[in-house]
């Protein structure tokens, strides 16, 4: 959308063109009073909006007099002269456009308003000019207005022709500041504080809201002319938030879950926020051509298995195009923020989505300055409260973008965060481990964390201590992220503390924590030399108990079975039966993994496993059902499992025959020998 487009697209009139004159007058009076009380959305626009408010107050007085003049007749029966009626209706339309302008400006970020202040002032000036023309055309004599009221109309007309101009000096100062940052000049604190004060950003809450609104506007491409400056301003505001407002920044504002409550499990998401396929909270909701909403990953996997139907309705889809459901995604993000649920889950090996617009030189330099400031402040922090605030800001900065993670890592944050993982302050510990998780997403930071003295042991301390479940969950997710590197996967698997801690979380944690722990086990089990230690620590038992609850449980069992753990799994009571049940009732991926695990058990453990599979009631139906409705890989695994079961049945039948037939032949043989 081109800049200023939102100003030019006005809503249609809320009243009918055939509305009676009395209704028009009352609407005009109410709208004028509303506009007279409207406040400027930012300090630098006060002259423009104060002028609009003054004109509106004059019109409110005039319309009030007209209503009084109409008296009891100011209802459906009031009839104004035709020329006056038409003119007042046009005045009402102009006031409605004023109101739309006010609402549009109120919805924008203040910094975007500053960049577009000349456009806003120009539009307000055009509307005032239109209003002056209409007031000049209004037949005052035909309305029988008193002289003082007629004078008010004339005054309003004269004032409308003197529209207030935009204040461009502040915009020039902001743009100059951006250019200085591009040249790697650190802004002076007093100057930065003064500029933000004029913009109307004077506390951490307003600064955070401004950053959030500005990022949303950048993503929506609402002002292409100013996009580069808006991106730079996001970085500058983040720097300002840390430098100017960090002393007042709360460190738990994004969570309503008590970090001291170890038993607290994040609330269950509303049904409308869950994907109909995976039944999990949707991270990227998209709408199929049937009108149903799914999580992108789940519906893409559905289509990838060769299906072209809607999973929920069963109808054949006209096309396989997916449209992002931005409205629902915003609601999910808000719900996650309000309930302390992580909106983003860092998964090793999964590439980050590319940003909508690449960061520019000024934004990158501002991010570098912010990271350097925070890490220096952390190294010099001497009070627990100051440390909490700084670590919270590092966590937030590391959450947004690989450039920020790189700058924080380069500044040496990883080593400084390690001792904080052992903090007895649960809020500080949570922010430290979450910051570590966010940093670990970047490949270069994985190396920094693994080489930081005591980092791995500190993560194990979090997983095994009395930390909050959220902190334990993020520690397991950090292990998962680090294990994405082949060499680190081996190193982590050789550490008995890592193995024991992750297995314990997979066994005892709530569902969200268990999910991350199982994902870490899945990654660690990808290395053959780790499997023996994992099985010995109880990874197979933990995964079996989680089948049906966590999607990754069946995948962990398949991975263990593939690399030497088949005998241990078969020996577990109920393991095979649970996998067969998962093959029928699980998600697309878990059904596929359950079938793969059963095939591997039959191949590695032989007849013992096959006998257990065939002993499960309904296993034939489960195999047949997966052959018809599973993914391509699931169908292949189901077919392999069916063949393995048939071979075992044939072998068992043949063995039974050989044990019966030789008995009848042996007696004659023995008789002949005697």
Foldseek 3Di string as FASTA:
>chain_A
DAAPPLLVDADDDPDDPPQALLVLLVLLLVLLCVLLPQQQLWLQCRQQSNLSNVLSVLSNVLSVQLCVVCPPVSPRNDDAPPQQSVLSNVLSVLSSSVVSLSVVNNLAQLLVCLVCVQVSLVSSLVSLQVNLVSLVSRPPVRSVDDPVSNVSSVVSSVSSNVGDGGDNPLVVLLVVVLVCLLVVHDDDLVSLQVSVVNSPDHELVSLVVSLVRLLVCLLVVNHVVCNQVSLLVSLQSLLNCCPPHLVPDDQCQQAPDDFLPQPDDQDDDDQLQAAPFARHGALWWWAAQVRDIGRPVQLVLQVQLVDQADPVPRHGGPDGDIHTPVVSNVVSVVVCRYRVHDSDFQAAPDDDDDRSDDHDSSSLSSLLSSLLVLQVCLVVDDDPVSNSSSLSSLLVQLQDDPSSLVSNVVNPVLLSLQVQCPDPPQSSNQSSLSSLLSSLSDPVSLVVQVPRPCNLVSLLCCLPDSTHLSSNLSSLSSLSNSLSDPVVLVVLLVDLSSLLSLQVCLQDPPLSSVQSSLSSLLSSLQDLVSLVSNVVSPNLVSLQVCQVPYLSSLSSLLSSLQRPCLVSNLPDPCSLLSLLVCLQPHRLNSVLSSLSNLLSSCVRVNLSSLVVCVPHPPSVVSLVVCCPNHGPSSVVSSVSNVVSNVVSVVVVVVVVVVVPVVVVVVVVVVVVVD
